């Protein structure tokens, strides 16, 4: 019964975080082309392939309200259910029951480390739902990133693949 309530609560938090992250309309200034297409656009470059004056070759700044990653951990003997939402600009919100929500901002180096760790994970190879036998009082971790959901309920492959991501996340009190 407790496990079902935990899974239901986890689903609600994930839906709220991902569903409430925007107004449903795509941002007006989001590019619809890949970086390669942008570089090869003749209107944006000179004949030598260098950027035209007044254009930038750096990646655009992330939208402030774009969610980079959500992390939820639930279960355990203490019945925890902690969530962490990290936005593209480094802001984060930690939500823990019976405690005041904590917000903050990651340092740029820490955010870069988290982005690098997320980029290294092949989410398509990770389970998107709990797998294996039920582990009573076990901890289930869910990461949602770039449209992919990875569920780690103590599986060796998931935990190993996500280890660097776990290390790069801000601490949850």
N, C-alpha and C. Protein backbone atom coordinates (compact mmCIF):
# COMPACT_ATOMS: atom_id res chain seq x y z
N UNK A 1 0.84 -1.19 0.00
CA UNK A 1 0.00 0.00 0.00
C UNK A 1 0.88 1.25 0.00
N UNK A 2 1.91 1.26 0.89
CA UNK A 2 2.81 2.41 0.95
C UNK A 2 3.53 2.59 -0.38
N UNK A 3 3.94 1.48 -0.98
CA UNK A 3 4.67 1.55 -2.25
C UNK A 3 3.79 2.15 -3.34
N UNK A 4 2.53 1.76 -3.37
CA UNK A 4 1.61 2.28 -4.38
C UNK A 4 1.41 3.78 -4.17
N UNK A 5 1.29 4.21 -2.91
CA UNK A 5 1.13 5.64 -2.64
C UNK A 5 2.39 6.39 -3.06
N UNK A 6 3.56 5.79 -2.82
CA UNK A 6 4.82 6.43 -3.22
C UNK A 6 4.94 6.57 -4.72
N UNK A 7 4.57 5.51 -5.44
CA UNK A 7 4.63 5.56 -6.90
C UNK A 7 3.63 6.58 -7.43
N UNK A 8 2.42 6.60 -6.85
CA UNK A 8 1.41 7.58 -7.27
C UNK A 8 1.89 8.99 -6.99
N UNK A 9 2.45 9.21 -5.81
CA UNK A 9 2.98 10.54 -5.47
C UNK A 9 4.10 10.95 -6.41
N UNK A 10 4.96 10.01 -6.73
CA UNK A 10 6.06 10.27 -7.66
C UNK A 10 5.52 10.68 -9.02
N UNK A 11 4.51 9.98 -9.48
CA UNK A 11 3.91 10.31 -10.78
C UNK A 11 3.28 11.69 -10.76
N UNK A 12 2.62 12.04 -9.66
CA UNK A 12 1.99 13.36 -9.56
C UNK A 12 3.04 14.46 -9.58
N UNK A 13 4.12 14.29 -8.81
CA UNK A 13 5.18 15.31 -8.78
C UNK A 13 5.80 15.45 -10.16
N UNK A 14 6.09 14.33 -10.81
CA UNK A 14 6.70 14.39 -12.14
C UNK A 14 5.78 15.09 -13.14
N UNK A 15 4.50 14.76 -13.11
CA UNK A 15 3.56 15.42 -14.01
C UNK A 15 3.43 16.90 -13.72
N UNK A 16 3.38 17.25 -12.45
CA UNK A 16 3.27 18.67 -12.09
C UNK A 16 4.50 19.44 -12.54
N UNK A 17 5.67 18.88 -12.30
CA UNK A 17 6.90 19.57 -12.64
C UNK A 17 7.05 19.72 -14.15
N UNK A 18 6.81 18.63 -14.88
CA UNK A 18 6.99 18.71 -16.33
C UNK A 18 5.81 19.39 -17.01
N UNK A 19 4.62 19.22 -16.50
CA UNK A 19 3.44 19.82 -17.12
C UNK A 19 3.27 21.29 -16.81
N UNK A 20 3.81 21.74 -15.69
CA UNK A 20 3.62 23.12 -15.28
C UNK A 20 4.85 23.97 -15.57
N UNK A 21 5.77 23.46 -16.37
CA UNK A 21 7.01 24.20 -16.61
C UNK A 21 6.85 25.29 -17.65
N UNK A 22 5.72 25.38 -18.28
CA UNK A 22 5.54 26.43 -19.29
C UNK A 22 4.07 26.67 -19.53
N UNK A 23 3.77 27.58 -20.44
CA UNK A 23 2.39 27.91 -20.71
C UNK A 23 1.83 27.12 -21.89
N UNK A 24 2.59 26.19 -22.43
CA UNK A 24 2.11 25.38 -23.53
C UNK A 24 2.46 25.94 -24.89
N UNK A 25 2.88 27.19 -24.94
CA UNK A 25 3.26 27.81 -26.20
C UNK A 25 4.77 27.75 -26.34
N UNK A 26 5.29 27.44 -27.51
CA UNK A 26 6.73 27.40 -27.67
C UNK A 26 7.31 28.80 -27.55
N UNK A 27 8.50 28.94 -26.95
CA UNK A 27 9.12 30.25 -26.85
C UNK A 27 9.36 30.82 -28.24
N UNK A 28 9.17 32.12 -28.38
CA UNK A 28 9.27 32.76 -29.68
C UNK A 28 10.68 32.75 -30.23
N UNK A 29 11.67 32.83 -29.37
CA UNK A 29 13.03 32.95 -29.87
C UNK A 29 13.78 31.62 -29.91
N UNK A 30 13.09 30.51 -29.75
CA UNK A 30 13.75 29.20 -29.80
C UNK A 30 14.04 28.87 -31.25
N UNK A 31 15.27 28.51 -31.52
CA UNK A 31 15.67 28.18 -32.90
C UNK A 31 15.10 26.82 -33.27
N UNK A 32 14.63 26.68 -34.50
CA UNK A 32 14.10 25.41 -34.95
C UNK A 32 15.09 24.67 -35.82
N UNK A 33 16.29 25.18 -35.88
CA UNK A 33 17.30 24.54 -36.72
C UNK A 33 18.45 24.04 -35.86
N UNK A 34 19.18 23.11 -36.38
CA UNK A 34 20.30 22.57 -35.63
C UNK A 34 21.48 23.53 -35.73
N UNK A 35 22.47 23.40 -34.82
CA UNK A 35 23.64 24.27 -34.89
C UNK A 35 24.36 24.16 -36.23
N UNK A 36 24.37 22.97 -36.85
CA UNK A 36 25.02 22.80 -38.14
C UNK A 36 24.31 23.62 -39.20
N UNK A 37 22.97 23.59 -39.19
CA UNK A 37 22.21 24.37 -40.16
C UNK A 37 22.44 25.86 -39.96
N UNK A 38 22.51 26.28 -38.70
CA UNK A 38 22.72 27.69 -38.42
C UNK A 38 24.08 28.14 -38.94
N UNK A 39 25.10 27.28 -38.82
CA UNK A 39 26.44 27.65 -39.28
C UNK A 39 26.52 27.68 -40.79
N UNK A 40 25.72 26.85 -41.45
CA UNK A 40 25.82 26.78 -42.90
C UNK A 40 24.86 27.75 -43.60
N UNK A 41 24.10 28.51 -42.85
CA UNK A 41 23.15 29.45 -43.43
C UNK A 41 23.93 30.61 -44.05
N UNK A 42 23.83 30.80 -45.36
CA UNK A 42 24.61 31.86 -46.02
C UNK A 42 24.24 33.25 -45.51
N UNK A 43 23.03 33.43 -45.05
CA UNK A 43 22.65 34.76 -44.55
C UNK A 43 23.36 35.10 -43.26
N UNK A 44 23.87 34.07 -42.58
CA UNK A 44 24.52 34.30 -41.29
C UNK A 44 26.04 34.20 -41.36
N UNK A 45 26.58 33.94 -42.51
CA UNK A 45 28.03 33.81 -42.61
C UNK A 45 28.54 34.54 -43.84
N UNK A 46 29.83 34.79 -43.82
CA UNK A 46 30.48 35.44 -44.95
C UNK A 46 30.96 34.36 -45.91
N UNK A 47 31.41 34.71 -47.11
CA UNK A 47 31.85 33.69 -48.07
C UNK A 47 32.94 32.78 -47.52
N UNK A 48 33.76 33.23 -46.62
CA UNK A 48 34.82 32.40 -46.06
C UNK A 48 34.34 31.46 -44.98
N UNK A 49 33.05 31.48 -44.66
CA UNK A 49 32.52 30.59 -43.64
C UNK A 49 32.57 31.17 -42.25
N UNK A 50 33.08 32.39 -42.10
CA UNK A 50 33.12 33.01 -40.79
C UNK A 50 31.79 33.69 -40.52
N UNK A 51 31.42 33.85 -39.26
CA UNK A 51 30.13 34.47 -38.96
C UNK A 51 30.09 35.91 -39.47
N UNK A 52 28.93 36.30 -39.92
CA UNK A 52 28.73 37.67 -40.37
C UNK A 52 28.80 38.60 -39.16
N UNK A 53 29.20 39.82 -39.37
CA UNK A 53 29.25 40.76 -38.25
C UNK A 53 27.89 40.86 -37.58
N UNK A 54 27.93 40.90 -36.25
CA UNK A 54 26.69 41.03 -35.50
C UNK A 54 26.01 39.72 -35.18
N UNK A 55 26.61 38.57 -35.61
CA UNK A 55 26.03 37.27 -35.27
C UNK A 55 26.95 36.57 -34.30
N UNK A 56 26.41 35.61 -33.60
CA UNK A 56 27.17 34.91 -32.57
C UNK A 56 27.27 33.43 -32.92
N UNK A 57 28.41 32.83 -32.60
CA UNK A 57 28.57 31.39 -32.83
C UNK A 57 28.36 30.60 -31.56
N UNK A 58 28.20 31.27 -30.42
CA UNK A 58 28.01 30.54 -29.18
C UNK A 58 26.57 30.05 -29.08
N UNK A 59 26.38 29.03 -28.25
CA UNK A 59 25.04 28.48 -28.07
C UNK A 59 24.17 29.52 -27.40
N UNK A 60 22.89 29.56 -27.76
CA UNK A 60 22.00 30.53 -27.14
C UNK A 60 21.83 30.23 -25.66
N UNK A 61 21.58 31.27 -24.90
CA UNK A 61 21.36 31.11 -23.46
C UNK A 61 20.07 30.32 -23.26
N UNK A 62 20.04 29.44 -22.25
CA UNK A 62 18.83 28.66 -22.02
C UNK A 62 17.68 29.57 -21.57
N UNK A 63 16.47 29.16 -21.92
CA UNK A 63 15.30 29.88 -21.46
C UNK A 63 15.26 29.76 -19.93
N UNK A 64 14.94 30.84 -19.22
CA UNK A 64 14.96 30.80 -17.75
C UNK A 64 14.01 29.77 -17.16
N UNK A 65 12.88 29.53 -17.78
CA UNK A 65 11.90 28.61 -17.21
C UNK A 65 11.97 27.21 -17.81
N UNK A 66 12.98 26.93 -18.63
CA UNK A 66 13.14 25.60 -19.20
C UNK A 66 13.72 24.68 -18.13
N UNK A 67 13.05 23.56 -17.91
CA UNK A 67 13.53 22.60 -16.92
C UNK A 67 14.62 21.76 -17.56
N UNK A 68 15.79 21.76 -16.96
CA UNK A 68 16.90 20.95 -17.44
C UNK A 68 16.71 19.50 -17.01
N UNK A 69 16.44 19.30 -15.74
CA UNK A 69 16.29 17.95 -15.20
C UNK A 69 15.44 18.00 -13.93
N UNK A 70 14.67 16.94 -13.73
CA UNK A 70 13.99 16.74 -12.45
C UNK A 70 14.51 15.44 -11.86
N UNK A 71 14.63 15.43 -10.56
CA UNK A 71 15.12 14.26 -9.85
C UNK A 71 14.19 14.04 -8.67
N UNK A 72 13.70 12.82 -8.52
CA UNK A 72 12.85 12.48 -7.38
C UNK A 72 13.36 11.19 -6.79
N UNK A 73 13.46 11.18 -5.47
CA UNK A 73 13.85 9.94 -4.79
C UNK A 73 12.80 9.66 -3.73
N UNK A 74 12.33 8.42 -3.71
CA UNK A 74 11.29 8.07 -2.77
C UNK A 74 11.52 6.67 -2.23
N UNK A 75 10.90 6.41 -1.08
CA UNK A 75 11.00 5.10 -0.46
C UNK A 75 11.93 5.12 0.73
N UNK A 76 12.55 3.99 0.97
CA UNK A 76 13.45 3.87 2.11
C UNK A 76 12.69 3.64 3.39
N UNK A 77 13.41 3.25 4.40
CA UNK A 77 12.79 2.98 5.69
C UNK A 77 12.21 4.25 6.32
N UNK A 78 12.76 5.40 5.92
CA UNK A 78 12.27 6.66 6.46
C UNK A 78 11.10 7.24 5.66
N UNK A 79 10.70 6.57 4.57
CA UNK A 79 9.55 7.01 3.79
C UNK A 79 9.77 8.34 3.09
N UNK A 80 10.97 8.57 2.64
CA UNK A 80 11.28 9.85 2.00
C UNK A 80 10.57 10.02 0.66
N UNK A 81 10.40 11.25 0.27
CA UNK A 81 9.89 11.61 -1.05
C UNK A 81 10.40 13.01 -1.36
N UNK A 82 11.59 13.07 -1.89
CA UNK A 82 12.26 14.34 -2.15
C UNK A 82 12.33 14.59 -3.64
N UNK A 83 12.14 15.83 -4.03
CA UNK A 83 12.22 16.19 -5.45
C UNK A 83 13.12 17.39 -5.63
N UNK A 84 13.76 17.43 -6.77
CA UNK A 84 14.66 18.51 -7.12
C UNK A 84 14.39 18.88 -8.58
N UNK A 85 14.13 20.15 -8.82
CA UNK A 85 13.90 20.65 -10.17
C UNK A 85 15.03 21.62 -10.48
N UNK A 86 15.75 21.37 -11.57
CA UNK A 86 16.86 22.25 -11.95
C UNK A 86 16.53 22.85 -13.31
N UNK A 87 16.57 24.17 -13.36
CA UNK A 87 16.25 24.90 -14.58
C UNK A 87 17.50 25.12 -15.42
N UNK A 88 17.31 25.43 -16.68
CA UNK A 88 18.41 25.59 -17.62
C UNK A 88 19.40 26.66 -17.24
N UNK A 89 18.96 27.67 -16.48
CA UNK A 89 19.86 28.75 -16.10
C UNK A 89 20.57 28.48 -14.77
N UNK A 90 20.36 27.29 -14.18
CA UNK A 90 21.05 26.92 -12.95
C UNK A 90 20.23 27.08 -11.69
N UNK A 91 19.06 27.71 -11.78
CA UNK A 91 18.22 27.81 -10.59
C UNK A 91 17.70 26.42 -10.26
N UNK A 92 17.45 26.19 -8.97
CA UNK A 92 16.86 24.91 -8.59
C UNK A 92 15.88 25.09 -7.45
N UNK A 93 15.00 24.12 -7.31
CA UNK A 93 14.03 24.09 -6.23
C UNK A 93 14.04 22.69 -5.66
N UNK A 94 14.30 22.59 -4.36
CA UNK A 94 14.28 21.31 -3.66
C UNK A 94 13.00 21.25 -2.84
N UNK A 95 12.23 20.18 -3.03
CA UNK A 95 10.96 20.01 -2.34
C UNK A 95 11.06 18.76 -1.48
N UNK A 96 10.89 18.93 -0.18
CA UNK A 96 10.91 17.81 0.74
C UNK A 96 9.72 17.95 1.68
N UNK A 97 9.03 16.84 1.96
CA UNK A 97 7.88 16.91 2.86
C UNK A 97 8.30 17.37 4.25
N UNK A 98 7.40 18.06 4.90
CA UNK A 98 7.58 18.52 6.28
C UNK A 98 8.73 19.51 6.43
N UNK A 99 9.22 20.04 5.32
CA UNK A 99 10.27 21.07 5.37
C UNK A 99 9.89 22.16 4.38
N UNK A 100 10.44 23.32 4.61
CA UNK A 100 10.21 24.43 3.70
C UNK A 100 10.96 24.16 2.39
N UNK A 101 10.31 24.46 1.26
CA UNK A 101 10.98 24.31 -0.02
C UNK A 101 12.23 25.17 -0.04
N UNK A 102 13.29 24.66 -0.65
CA UNK A 102 14.56 25.40 -0.70
C UNK A 102 14.89 25.69 -2.15
N UNK A 103 15.17 26.96 -2.42
CA UNK A 103 15.59 27.32 -3.77
C UNK A 103 17.03 27.83 -3.73
N UNK A 104 17.66 27.81 -4.86
CA UNK A 104 19.05 28.27 -4.94
C UNK A 104 19.48 28.35 -6.40
N UNK A 105 20.76 28.56 -6.58
CA UNK A 105 21.32 28.63 -7.93
C UNK A 105 22.64 27.89 -7.92
N UNK A 106 22.81 27.03 -8.91
CA UNK A 106 24.06 26.28 -9.04
C UNK A 106 25.14 27.22 -9.58
N UNK A 107 26.37 26.98 -9.16
CA UNK A 107 27.50 27.72 -9.74
C UNK A 107 27.65 27.28 -11.19
N UNK A 108 28.17 28.16 -12.02
CA UNK A 108 28.26 27.85 -13.46
C UNK A 108 29.10 26.60 -13.72
N UNK A 109 30.16 26.40 -12.97
CA UNK A 109 30.99 25.20 -13.13
C UNK A 109 30.23 23.94 -12.75
N UNK A 110 29.44 24.01 -11.67
CA UNK A 110 28.64 22.86 -11.25
C UNK A 110 27.55 22.55 -12.26
N UNK A 111 26.94 23.61 -12.83
CA UNK A 111 25.92 23.41 -13.85
C UNK A 111 26.52 22.77 -15.10
N UNK A 112 27.71 23.22 -15.47
CA UNK A 112 28.40 22.63 -16.63
C UNK A 112 28.71 21.16 -16.38
N UNK A 113 29.10 20.83 -15.15
CA UNK A 113 29.39 19.44 -14.79
C UNK A 113 28.12 18.59 -14.88
N UNK A 114 27.00 19.14 -14.42
CA UNK A 114 25.74 18.42 -14.50
C UNK A 114 25.33 18.21 -15.96
N UNK A 115 25.46 19.25 -16.77
CA UNK A 115 25.11 19.13 -18.19
C UNK A 115 25.98 18.06 -18.87
N UNK A 116 27.26 18.06 -18.55
CA UNK A 116 28.17 17.08 -19.14
C UNK A 116 27.79 15.66 -18.71
N UNK A 117 27.45 15.49 -17.43
CA UNK A 117 27.05 14.18 -16.93
C UNK A 117 25.76 13.71 -17.61
N UNK A 118 24.81 14.62 -17.79
CA UNK A 118 23.55 14.27 -18.47
C UNK A 118 23.80 13.91 -19.93
N UNK A 119 24.71 14.62 -20.58
CA UNK A 119 25.02 14.35 -21.98
C UNK A 119 25.67 12.98 -22.17
N UNK A 120 26.35 12.48 -21.16
CA UNK A 120 27.03 11.19 -21.25
C UNK A 120 26.08 10.00 -21.09
N UNK A 121 24.89 10.23 -20.55
CA UNK A 121 23.95 9.14 -20.28
C UNK A 121 23.16 8.82 -21.54
N UNK A 122 23.09 7.53 -21.87
CA UNK A 122 22.25 7.07 -22.97
C UNK A 122 20.90 6.68 -22.36
N UNK A 123 20.01 7.65 -22.26
CA UNK A 123 18.72 7.42 -21.62
C UNK A 123 17.89 6.36 -22.33
N UNK A 124 18.12 6.17 -23.61
CA UNK A 124 17.33 5.18 -24.35
C UNK A 124 17.62 3.76 -23.87
N UNK A 125 18.73 3.55 -23.20
CA UNK A 125 19.09 2.21 -22.72
C UNK A 125 18.70 1.98 -21.26
N UNK A 126 18.16 3.00 -20.62
CA UNK A 126 17.79 2.87 -19.21
C UNK A 126 16.29 2.61 -19.07
N UNK A 127 15.89 1.86 -18.03
CA UNK A 127 14.47 1.58 -17.85
C UNK A 127 13.68 2.86 -17.53
N UNK A 128 12.47 2.93 -18.07
CA UNK A 128 11.62 4.09 -17.80
C UNK A 128 10.54 3.76 -16.78
N UNK A 129 10.63 2.60 -16.19
CA UNK A 129 9.73 2.19 -15.12
C UNK A 129 10.50 1.25 -14.19
N UNK A 130 10.00 1.03 -12.98
CA UNK A 130 10.72 0.14 -12.06
C UNK A 130 10.86 -1.26 -12.66
N UNK A 131 12.02 -1.85 -12.47
CA UNK A 131 12.28 -3.20 -12.96
C UNK A 131 12.79 -4.06 -11.82
N UNK A 132 12.78 -5.35 -12.03
CA UNK A 132 13.30 -6.27 -11.04
C UNK A 132 12.33 -6.52 -9.91
N UNK A 133 12.78 -7.30 -8.94
CA UNK A 133 11.90 -7.65 -7.82
C UNK A 133 11.68 -6.44 -6.89
N UNK A 134 10.58 -6.47 -6.18
CA UNK A 134 10.28 -5.42 -5.21
C UNK A 134 11.28 -5.49 -4.07
N UNK A 135 11.86 -4.37 -3.74
CA UNK A 135 12.77 -4.28 -2.60
C UNK A 135 12.06 -3.46 -1.55
N UNK A 136 11.59 -4.12 -0.51
CA UNK A 136 10.88 -3.40 0.53
C UNK A 136 11.84 -2.43 1.20
N UNK A 137 11.36 -1.23 1.42
CA UNK A 137 12.15 -0.14 1.98
C UNK A 137 13.31 0.25 1.07
N UNK A 138 13.24 -0.14 -0.18
CA UNK A 138 14.25 0.28 -1.15
C UNK A 138 13.98 1.71 -1.62
N UNK A 139 14.96 2.32 -2.21
CA UNK A 139 14.84 3.69 -2.69
C UNK A 139 14.72 3.66 -4.21
N UNK A 140 13.74 4.38 -4.71
CA UNK A 140 13.55 4.52 -6.15
C UNK A 140 13.91 5.95 -6.53
N UNK A 141 14.74 6.08 -7.56
CA UNK A 141 15.13 7.40 -8.06
C UNK A 141 14.64 7.54 -9.49
N UNK A 142 14.08 8.71 -9.80
CA UNK A 142 13.57 8.98 -11.14
C UNK A 142 14.21 10.27 -11.64
N UNK A 143 14.77 10.19 -12.84
CA UNK A 143 15.35 11.37 -13.48
C UNK A 143 14.60 11.60 -14.79
N UNK A 144 14.16 12.84 -14.99
CA UNK A 144 13.50 13.22 -16.23
C UNK A 144 14.37 14.30 -16.87
N UNK A 145 14.81 14.02 -18.10
CA UNK A 145 15.69 14.95 -18.81
C UNK A 145 15.44 14.85 -20.31
N UNK A 146 15.21 15.98 -20.93
CA UNK A 146 15.10 16.08 -22.38
C UNK A 146 14.10 15.07 -22.96
N UNK A 147 12.96 14.94 -22.28
CA UNK A 147 11.91 14.05 -22.77
C UNK A 147 12.08 12.59 -22.41
N UNK A 148 13.13 12.26 -21.69
CA UNK A 148 13.40 10.87 -21.29
C UNK A 148 13.22 10.72 -19.79
N UNK A 149 12.71 9.57 -19.38
CA UNK A 149 12.57 9.25 -17.97
C UNK A 149 13.41 8.02 -17.67
N UNK A 150 14.23 8.10 -16.66
CA UNK A 150 15.05 6.96 -16.23
C UNK A 150 14.68 6.64 -14.79
N UNK A 151 14.36 5.37 -14.54
CA UNK A 151 13.98 4.93 -13.20
C UNK A 151 15.06 3.99 -12.69
N UNK A 152 15.56 4.31 -11.51
CA UNK A 152 16.60 3.50 -10.86
C UNK A 152 16.05 3.03 -9.53
N UNK A 153 15.73 1.76 -9.44
CA UNK A 153 15.28 1.22 -8.17
C UNK A 153 16.29 0.22 -7.62
N UNK A 154 17.55 0.61 -7.73
CA UNK A 154 18.61 -0.21 -7.19
C UNK A 154 19.28 -1.10 -8.22
N UNK A 155 18.89 -0.98 -9.47
CA UNK A 155 19.50 -1.79 -10.52
C UNK A 155 20.94 -1.34 -10.77
N UNK A 156 21.81 -2.28 -10.96
CA UNK A 156 23.23 -1.96 -11.13
C UNK A 156 23.47 -1.13 -12.38
N UNK A 157 22.82 -1.48 -13.50
CA UNK A 157 23.08 -0.75 -14.75
C UNK A 157 22.60 0.69 -14.65
N UNK A 158 21.43 0.91 -14.07
CA UNK A 158 20.91 2.28 -13.94
C UNK A 158 21.77 3.10 -13.00
N UNK A 159 22.07 2.54 -11.85
CA UNK A 159 22.85 3.27 -10.86
C UNK A 159 24.22 3.62 -11.41
N UNK A 160 24.85 2.70 -12.12
CA UNK A 160 26.17 2.97 -12.69
C UNK A 160 26.12 4.04 -13.77
N UNK A 161 25.11 3.95 -14.63
CA UNK A 161 24.99 4.92 -15.72
C UNK A 161 24.66 6.31 -15.21
N UNK A 162 23.99 6.39 -14.08
CA UNK A 162 23.56 7.69 -13.55
C UNK A 162 24.44 8.20 -12.42
N UNK A 163 25.49 7.49 -12.08
CA UNK A 163 26.33 7.85 -10.93
C UNK A 163 26.88 9.28 -11.02
N UNK A 164 27.37 9.66 -12.19
CA UNK A 164 27.93 11.01 -12.34
C UNK A 164 26.85 12.09 -12.25
N UNK A 165 25.66 11.76 -12.72
CA UNK A 165 24.54 12.70 -12.60
C UNK A 165 24.19 12.89 -11.13
N UNK A 166 24.10 11.79 -10.38
CA UNK A 166 23.80 11.88 -8.95
C UNK A 166 24.83 12.75 -8.23
N UNK A 167 26.10 12.58 -8.57
CA UNK A 167 27.15 13.36 -7.92
C UNK A 167 27.05 14.84 -8.25
N UNK A 168 26.60 15.16 -9.46
CA UNK A 168 26.55 16.55 -9.91
C UNK A 168 25.31 17.31 -9.41
N UNK A 169 24.32 16.60 -8.91
CA UNK A 169 23.09 17.26 -8.43
C UNK A 169 23.36 18.02 -7.13
N UNK A 170 22.67 19.14 -6.93
CA UNK A 170 22.77 19.81 -5.62
C UNK A 170 22.22 18.91 -4.54
N UNK A 171 22.70 19.02 -3.32
CA UNK A 171 22.21 18.15 -2.24
C UNK A 171 20.76 18.48 -1.88
N UNK A 172 20.03 17.44 -1.53
CA UNK A 172 18.67 17.61 -1.02
C UNK A 172 18.76 17.46 0.49
N UNK A 173 18.25 18.45 1.22
CA UNK A 173 18.39 18.35 2.69
C UNK A 173 17.65 17.18 3.27
